[in-house]
N, C-alpha and C. Protein backbone atom coordinates (compact mmCIF):
# COMPACT_ATOMS: atom_id res chain seq x y z
N UNK A 1 99.61 128.25 64.58
CA UNK A 1 99.06 128.25 65.92
C UNK A 1 98.39 129.59 66.23
N UNK A 2 98.95 130.65 65.71
CA UNK A 2 98.41 131.98 65.96
C UNK A 2 97.01 132.14 65.38
N UNK A 3 96.75 131.59 64.20
CA UNK A 3 95.44 131.72 63.56
C UNK A 3 94.37 131.00 64.36
N UNK A 4 94.67 129.82 64.85
CA UNK A 4 93.67 129.08 65.62
C UNK A 4 93.34 129.78 66.93
N UNK A 5 94.33 130.37 67.57
CA UNK A 5 94.05 131.11 68.80
C UNK A 5 93.26 132.37 68.50
N UNK A 6 93.51 133.00 67.37
CA UNK A 6 92.75 134.19 66.97
C UNK A 6 91.29 133.83 66.71
N UNK A 7 91.07 132.73 66.00
CA UNK A 7 89.70 132.27 65.71
C UNK A 7 88.99 131.89 67.00
N UNK A 8 89.70 131.23 67.90
CA UNK A 8 89.10 130.86 69.20
C UNK A 8 88.72 132.11 69.99
N UNK A 9 89.58 133.12 69.94
CA UNK A 9 89.30 134.37 70.63
C UNK A 9 88.08 135.07 70.03
N UNK A 10 87.99 135.11 68.69
CA UNK A 10 86.84 135.72 68.02
C UNK A 10 85.55 134.95 68.31
N UNK A 11 85.63 133.64 68.36
CA UNK A 11 84.46 132.80 68.67
C UNK A 11 83.99 133.07 70.09
N UNK A 12 84.92 133.13 71.01
CA UNK A 12 84.58 133.42 72.40
C UNK A 12 83.96 134.80 72.53
N UNK A 13 84.52 135.77 71.82
CA UNK A 13 83.98 137.13 71.84
C UNK A 13 82.55 137.16 71.30
N UNK A 14 82.31 136.46 70.20
CA UNK A 14 80.99 136.43 69.58
C UNK A 14 79.95 135.81 70.51
N UNK A 15 80.32 134.73 71.18
CA UNK A 15 79.36 134.02 72.04
C UNK A 15 79.20 134.72 73.39
N UNK A 16 80.28 134.99 74.06
CA UNK A 16 80.22 135.47 75.45
C UNK A 16 79.92 136.96 75.58
N UNK A 17 80.43 137.77 74.67
CA UNK A 17 80.23 139.21 74.79
C UNK A 17 79.02 139.68 74.00
N UNK A 18 78.92 139.24 72.74
CA UNK A 18 77.87 139.77 71.85
C UNK A 18 76.65 138.87 71.74
N UNK A 19 76.75 137.62 72.20
CA UNK A 19 75.64 136.67 72.20
C UNK A 19 75.06 136.45 70.79
N UNK A 20 75.95 136.18 69.83
CA UNK A 20 75.53 135.88 68.47
C UNK A 20 76.14 134.54 68.05
N UNK A 21 75.65 134.02 66.93
CA UNK A 21 76.17 132.77 66.38
C UNK A 21 77.61 133.00 65.92
N UNK A 22 78.58 132.30 66.49
CA UNK A 22 79.98 132.55 66.12
C UNK A 22 80.31 132.18 64.68
N UNK A 23 79.63 131.19 64.13
CA UNK A 23 79.92 130.79 62.75
C UNK A 23 79.52 131.89 61.77
N UNK A 24 78.37 132.49 61.97
CA UNK A 24 77.92 133.58 61.10
C UNK A 24 78.82 134.80 61.28
N UNK A 25 79.16 135.11 62.54
CA UNK A 25 80.04 136.24 62.82
C UNK A 25 81.38 136.07 62.13
N UNK A 26 81.99 134.88 62.26
CA UNK A 26 83.28 134.62 61.61
C UNK A 26 83.16 134.63 60.09
N UNK A 27 82.07 134.12 59.55
CA UNK A 27 81.87 134.13 58.10
C UNK A 27 81.81 135.56 57.58
N UNK A 28 81.04 136.40 58.24
CA UNK A 28 80.96 137.81 57.83
C UNK A 28 82.32 138.47 57.97
N UNK A 29 83.01 138.18 59.04
CA UNK A 29 84.33 138.76 59.30
C UNK A 29 85.33 138.35 58.21
N UNK A 30 85.34 137.08 57.85
CA UNK A 30 86.28 136.57 56.85
C UNK A 30 85.94 137.08 55.45
N UNK A 31 84.65 137.13 55.12
CA UNK A 31 84.25 137.64 53.80
C UNK A 31 84.60 139.12 53.65
N UNK A 32 84.56 139.85 54.75
CA UNK A 32 84.82 141.29 54.65
C UNK A 32 86.30 141.62 54.43
N UNK A 33 87.19 140.69 54.68
CA UNK A 33 88.63 140.96 54.55
C UNK A 33 89.03 141.30 53.10
N UNK A 34 88.70 140.47 52.09
CA UNK A 34 89.11 140.85 50.72
C UNK A 34 88.40 142.11 50.22
N UNK A 35 87.15 142.30 50.62
CA UNK A 35 86.43 143.50 50.20
C UNK A 35 87.10 144.75 50.76
N UNK A 36 87.61 144.66 51.99
CA UNK A 36 88.33 145.76 52.61
C UNK A 36 89.54 146.16 51.76
N UNK A 37 90.34 145.18 51.35
CA UNK A 37 91.54 145.47 50.58
C UNK A 37 91.21 145.94 49.15
N UNK A 38 90.14 145.44 48.59
CA UNK A 38 89.71 145.93 47.27
C UNK A 38 89.31 147.40 47.36
N UNK A 39 88.57 147.75 48.41
CA UNK A 39 88.17 149.15 48.60
C UNK A 39 89.39 150.04 48.81
N UNK A 40 90.35 149.58 49.59
CA UNK A 40 91.60 150.35 49.80
C UNK A 40 92.30 150.59 48.46
N UNK A 41 92.37 149.56 47.63
CA UNK A 41 93.00 149.69 46.32
C UNK A 41 92.31 150.77 45.48
N UNK A 42 90.97 150.72 45.40
CA UNK A 42 90.26 151.68 44.58
C UNK A 42 90.31 153.09 45.16
N UNK A 43 90.35 153.22 46.47
CA UNK A 43 90.50 154.54 47.09
C UNK A 43 91.87 155.12 46.72
N UNK A 44 92.90 154.31 46.83
CA UNK A 44 94.25 154.77 46.46
C UNK A 44 94.30 155.14 44.98
N UNK A 45 93.68 154.34 44.13
CA UNK A 45 93.65 154.61 42.70
C UNK A 45 92.94 155.94 42.41
N UNK A 46 91.80 156.18 43.07
CA UNK A 46 91.07 157.43 42.88
C UNK A 46 91.86 158.63 43.40
N UNK A 47 92.52 158.46 44.55
CA UNK A 47 93.31 159.56 45.10
C UNK A 47 94.49 159.91 44.19
N UNK A 48 95.11 158.91 43.60
CA UNK A 48 96.21 159.18 42.68
C UNK A 48 95.70 159.91 41.44
N UNK A 49 94.53 159.52 40.94
CA UNK A 49 93.96 160.19 39.77
C UNK A 49 93.59 161.63 40.10
N UNK A 50 93.05 161.87 41.27
CA UNK A 50 92.68 163.23 41.69
C UNK A 50 93.94 164.08 41.82
N UNK A 51 94.98 163.53 42.44
CA UNK A 51 96.22 164.27 42.60
C UNK A 51 96.84 164.60 41.25
N UNK A 52 96.76 163.66 40.32
CA UNK A 52 97.31 163.88 38.98
C UNK A 52 96.53 164.97 38.26
N UNK A 53 95.20 164.96 38.41
CA UNK A 53 94.35 165.92 37.71
C UNK A 53 94.39 167.31 38.33
N UNK A 54 94.34 167.38 39.68
CA UNK A 54 94.22 168.67 40.36
C UNK A 54 95.51 169.15 41.02
N UNK A 55 96.49 168.29 41.12
CA UNK A 55 97.74 168.67 41.75
C UNK A 55 97.77 168.51 43.26
N UNK A 56 96.61 168.44 43.87
CA UNK A 56 96.54 168.23 45.31
C UNK A 56 95.19 167.58 45.66
N UNK A 57 95.12 167.07 46.86
CA UNK A 57 93.90 166.44 47.34
C UNK A 57 93.36 167.28 48.49
N UNK A 58 92.10 167.67 48.40
CA UNK A 58 91.48 168.46 49.46
C UNK A 58 90.31 167.68 50.06
N UNK A 59 89.77 168.20 51.14
CA UNK A 59 88.63 167.56 51.81
C UNK A 59 87.41 167.51 50.89
N UNK A 60 87.28 168.48 50.00
CA UNK A 60 86.15 168.50 49.07
C UNK A 60 86.12 167.25 48.19
N UNK A 61 87.29 166.77 47.83
CA UNK A 61 87.35 165.58 46.97
C UNK A 61 86.72 164.37 47.65
N UNK A 62 86.89 164.25 48.95
CA UNK A 62 86.32 163.10 49.67
C UNK A 62 84.80 163.13 49.67
N UNK A 63 84.21 164.32 49.59
CA UNK A 63 82.76 164.44 49.63
C UNK A 63 82.12 164.52 48.25
N UNK A 64 82.81 165.13 47.29
CA UNK A 64 82.17 165.42 46.02
C UNK A 64 82.60 164.52 44.85
N UNK A 65 83.71 163.82 44.98
CA UNK A 65 84.11 162.89 43.93
C UNK A 65 83.32 161.61 44.11
N UNK A 66 82.47 161.29 43.13
CA UNK A 66 81.54 160.17 43.28
C UNK A 66 82.23 158.83 43.50
N UNK A 67 83.22 158.52 42.70
CA UNK A 67 83.89 157.22 42.83
C UNK A 67 84.61 157.11 44.17
N UNK A 68 85.26 158.18 44.58
CA UNK A 68 85.98 158.16 45.85
C UNK A 68 85.02 158.02 47.02
N UNK A 69 83.94 158.79 47.02
CA UNK A 69 82.98 158.69 48.13
C UNK A 69 82.31 157.31 48.14
N UNK A 70 82.07 156.74 46.96
CA UNK A 70 81.48 155.40 46.89
C UNK A 70 82.39 154.38 47.58
N UNK A 71 83.69 154.38 47.22
CA UNK A 71 84.61 153.41 47.80
C UNK A 71 84.87 153.67 49.27
N UNK A 72 84.78 154.92 49.71
CA UNK A 72 84.91 155.22 51.14
C UNK A 72 83.73 154.61 51.90
N UNK A 73 82.54 154.74 51.35
CA UNK A 73 81.36 154.16 52.00
C UNK A 73 81.44 152.64 51.99
N UNK A 74 81.90 152.05 50.88
CA UNK A 74 82.09 150.59 50.82
C UNK A 74 83.08 150.15 51.90
N UNK A 75 84.17 150.89 52.03
CA UNK A 75 85.18 150.56 53.03
C UNK A 75 84.59 150.61 54.44
N UNK A 76 83.86 151.67 54.75
CA UNK A 76 83.29 151.80 56.08
C UNK A 76 82.22 150.75 56.35
N UNK A 77 81.35 150.49 55.37
CA UNK A 77 80.33 149.46 55.56
C UNK A 77 80.95 148.07 55.71
N UNK A 78 82.00 147.82 54.94
CA UNK A 78 82.70 146.55 55.05
C UNK A 78 83.33 146.40 56.43
N UNK A 79 83.93 147.46 56.90
CA UNK A 79 84.54 147.43 58.24
C UNK A 79 83.48 147.20 59.32
N UNK A 80 82.29 147.74 59.09
CA UNK A 80 81.22 147.63 60.08
C UNK A 80 80.37 146.36 59.94
N UNK A 81 80.54 145.60 58.88
CA UNK A 81 79.67 144.45 58.61
C UNK A 81 79.51 143.51 59.80
N UNK A 82 80.58 143.05 60.45
CA UNK A 82 80.37 142.17 61.60
C UNK A 82 79.61 142.86 62.73
N UNK A 83 79.87 144.15 62.91
CA UNK A 83 79.21 144.90 63.98
C UNK A 83 77.74 145.17 63.65
N UNK A 84 77.43 145.31 62.36
CA UNK A 84 76.03 145.46 61.98
C UNK A 84 75.26 144.17 62.28
N UNK A 85 75.91 143.04 62.08
CA UNK A 85 75.31 141.76 62.44
C UNK A 85 75.01 141.72 63.95
N UNK A 86 75.97 142.19 64.74
CA UNK A 86 75.77 142.25 66.18
C UNK A 86 74.66 143.24 66.53
N UNK A 87 74.63 144.37 65.84
CA UNK A 87 73.61 145.39 66.13
C UNK A 87 72.21 144.84 65.87
N UNK A 88 72.07 144.00 64.87
CA UNK A 88 70.75 143.48 64.52
C UNK A 88 70.39 142.27 65.37
N UNK A 89 71.33 141.34 65.58
CA UNK A 89 71.01 140.07 66.21
C UNK A 89 71.62 139.87 67.59
N UNK A 90 72.49 140.75 68.03
CA UNK A 90 73.18 140.53 69.30
C UNK A 90 72.93 141.63 70.31
N UNK A 91 73.87 141.77 71.22
CA UNK A 91 73.79 142.80 72.24
C UNK A 91 75.20 143.21 72.66
N UNK A 92 75.29 144.23 73.49
CA UNK A 92 76.56 144.75 74.03
C UNK A 92 77.47 145.34 72.95
N UNK A 93 76.88 146.01 71.98
CA UNK A 93 77.68 146.63 70.93
C UNK A 93 78.39 147.87 71.49
N UNK A 94 79.69 148.03 71.21
CA UNK A 94 80.40 149.20 71.73
C UNK A 94 79.82 150.51 71.20
N UNK A 95 79.93 151.56 71.99
CA UNK A 95 79.38 152.87 71.64
C UNK A 95 80.04 153.44 70.39
N UNK A 96 81.34 153.21 70.22
CA UNK A 96 82.03 153.77 69.07
C UNK A 96 81.46 153.21 67.76
N UNK A 97 80.95 151.98 67.78
CA UNK A 97 80.37 151.40 66.57
C UNK A 97 79.10 152.16 66.19
N UNK A 98 78.27 152.49 67.19
CA UNK A 98 77.06 153.28 66.90
C UNK A 98 77.43 154.63 66.30
N UNK A 99 78.50 155.26 66.82
CA UNK A 99 78.93 156.55 66.28
C UNK A 99 79.38 156.41 64.83
N UNK A 100 80.13 155.37 64.51
CA UNK A 100 80.59 155.17 63.13
C UNK A 100 79.40 154.85 62.22
N UNK A 101 78.44 154.07 62.70
CA UNK A 101 77.25 153.78 61.90
C UNK A 101 76.51 155.07 61.56
N UNK A 102 76.38 155.95 62.54
CA UNK A 102 75.71 157.24 62.29
C UNK A 102 76.49 158.07 61.27
N UNK A 103 77.81 158.06 61.37
CA UNK A 103 78.64 158.80 60.41
C UNK A 103 78.48 158.23 59.00
N UNK A 104 78.51 156.91 58.87
CA UNK A 104 78.38 156.28 57.55
C UNK A 104 77.02 156.60 56.94
N UNK A 105 75.97 156.49 57.73
CA UNK A 105 74.63 156.79 57.22
C UNK A 105 74.54 158.27 56.82
N UNK A 106 75.10 159.15 57.63
CA UNK A 106 75.09 160.58 57.31
C UNK A 106 75.84 160.88 56.02
N UNK A 107 77.02 160.28 55.86
CA UNK A 107 77.79 160.49 54.62
C UNK A 107 77.06 159.93 53.41
N UNK A 108 76.40 158.80 53.59
CA UNK A 108 75.65 158.21 52.48
C UNK A 108 74.50 159.11 52.06
N UNK A 109 73.78 159.64 53.02
CA UNK A 109 72.67 160.56 52.72
C UNK A 109 73.20 161.83 52.07
N UNK A 110 74.30 162.37 52.60
CA UNK A 110 74.90 163.58 52.04
C UNK A 110 75.33 163.34 50.59
N UNK A 111 75.97 162.21 50.32
CA UNK A 111 76.42 161.88 48.98
C UNK A 111 75.24 161.73 48.02
N UNK A 112 74.21 161.04 48.47
CA UNK A 112 73.01 160.86 47.65
C UNK A 112 72.34 162.19 47.36
N UNK A 113 72.24 163.04 48.37
CA UNK A 113 71.65 164.37 48.22
C UNK A 113 72.43 165.20 47.20
N UNK A 114 73.76 165.15 47.30
CA UNK A 114 74.60 165.89 46.34
C UNK A 114 74.42 165.37 44.92
N UNK A 115 74.25 164.08 44.75
CA UNK A 115 74.04 163.53 43.40
C UNK A 115 72.72 163.99 42.84
N UNK A 116 71.67 164.05 43.67
CA UNK A 116 70.38 164.54 43.20
C UNK A 116 70.47 166.01 42.80
N UNK A 117 71.15 166.80 43.60
CA UNK A 117 71.32 168.23 43.27
C UNK A 117 72.12 168.37 41.99
N UNK A 118 73.21 167.62 41.88
CA UNK A 118 74.06 167.68 40.70
C UNK A 118 73.29 167.26 39.45
N UNK A 119 72.48 166.21 39.55
CA UNK A 119 71.67 165.74 38.43
C UNK A 119 70.64 166.80 38.04
N UNK A 120 70.02 167.42 39.03
CA UNK A 120 69.04 168.48 38.76
C UNK A 120 69.66 169.67 38.06
N UNK A 121 70.84 170.08 38.49
CA UNK A 121 71.54 171.20 37.86
C UNK A 121 71.93 170.85 36.42
N UNK A 122 72.39 169.64 36.21
CA UNK A 122 72.80 169.21 34.87
C UNK A 122 71.60 169.21 33.93
N UNK A 123 70.45 168.74 34.38
CA UNK A 123 69.25 168.73 33.54
C UNK A 123 68.79 170.14 33.22
N UNK A 124 68.86 171.06 34.18
CA UNK A 124 68.46 172.45 33.95
C UNK A 124 69.36 173.11 32.92
N UNK A 125 70.67 172.87 33.03
CA UNK A 125 71.61 173.46 32.06
C UNK A 125 71.42 172.86 30.66
N UNK A 126 71.06 171.59 30.60
CA UNK A 126 70.86 170.94 29.31
C UNK A 126 69.59 171.46 28.63
N UNK A 127 68.59 171.86 29.42
CA UNK A 127 67.35 172.37 28.85
C UNK A 127 67.51 173.76 28.26
N UNK A 128 68.46 174.54 28.78
CA UNK A 128 68.66 175.93 28.31
C UNK A 128 69.35 176.00 27.01
């Protein structure tokens, strides 16, 4: 009974608050659930490997470890997927969602920029 009331609540929210197709919203929401847990698994796996290798986990690891930053971005994008649908096709998106979208995009650009710099440094060292 709890699941049906939850789905009814989500459907009502999609139609009345965000003005989007509830079937698409629920589909995106349901598909994002297993991806969320897969990302959590890989983040935990990467953190355990980092702790084993370095003895501790620092903030630098979240930004500079490629696999960890990749799964963090996957986790955030997965969490935002239903809200991105609302941002594109609906209205009345909460302000906090816009803030998280800006953070995800910023982290993605930062990560990409660091990979380009790292690749450039590696090529320069290989040429010498």
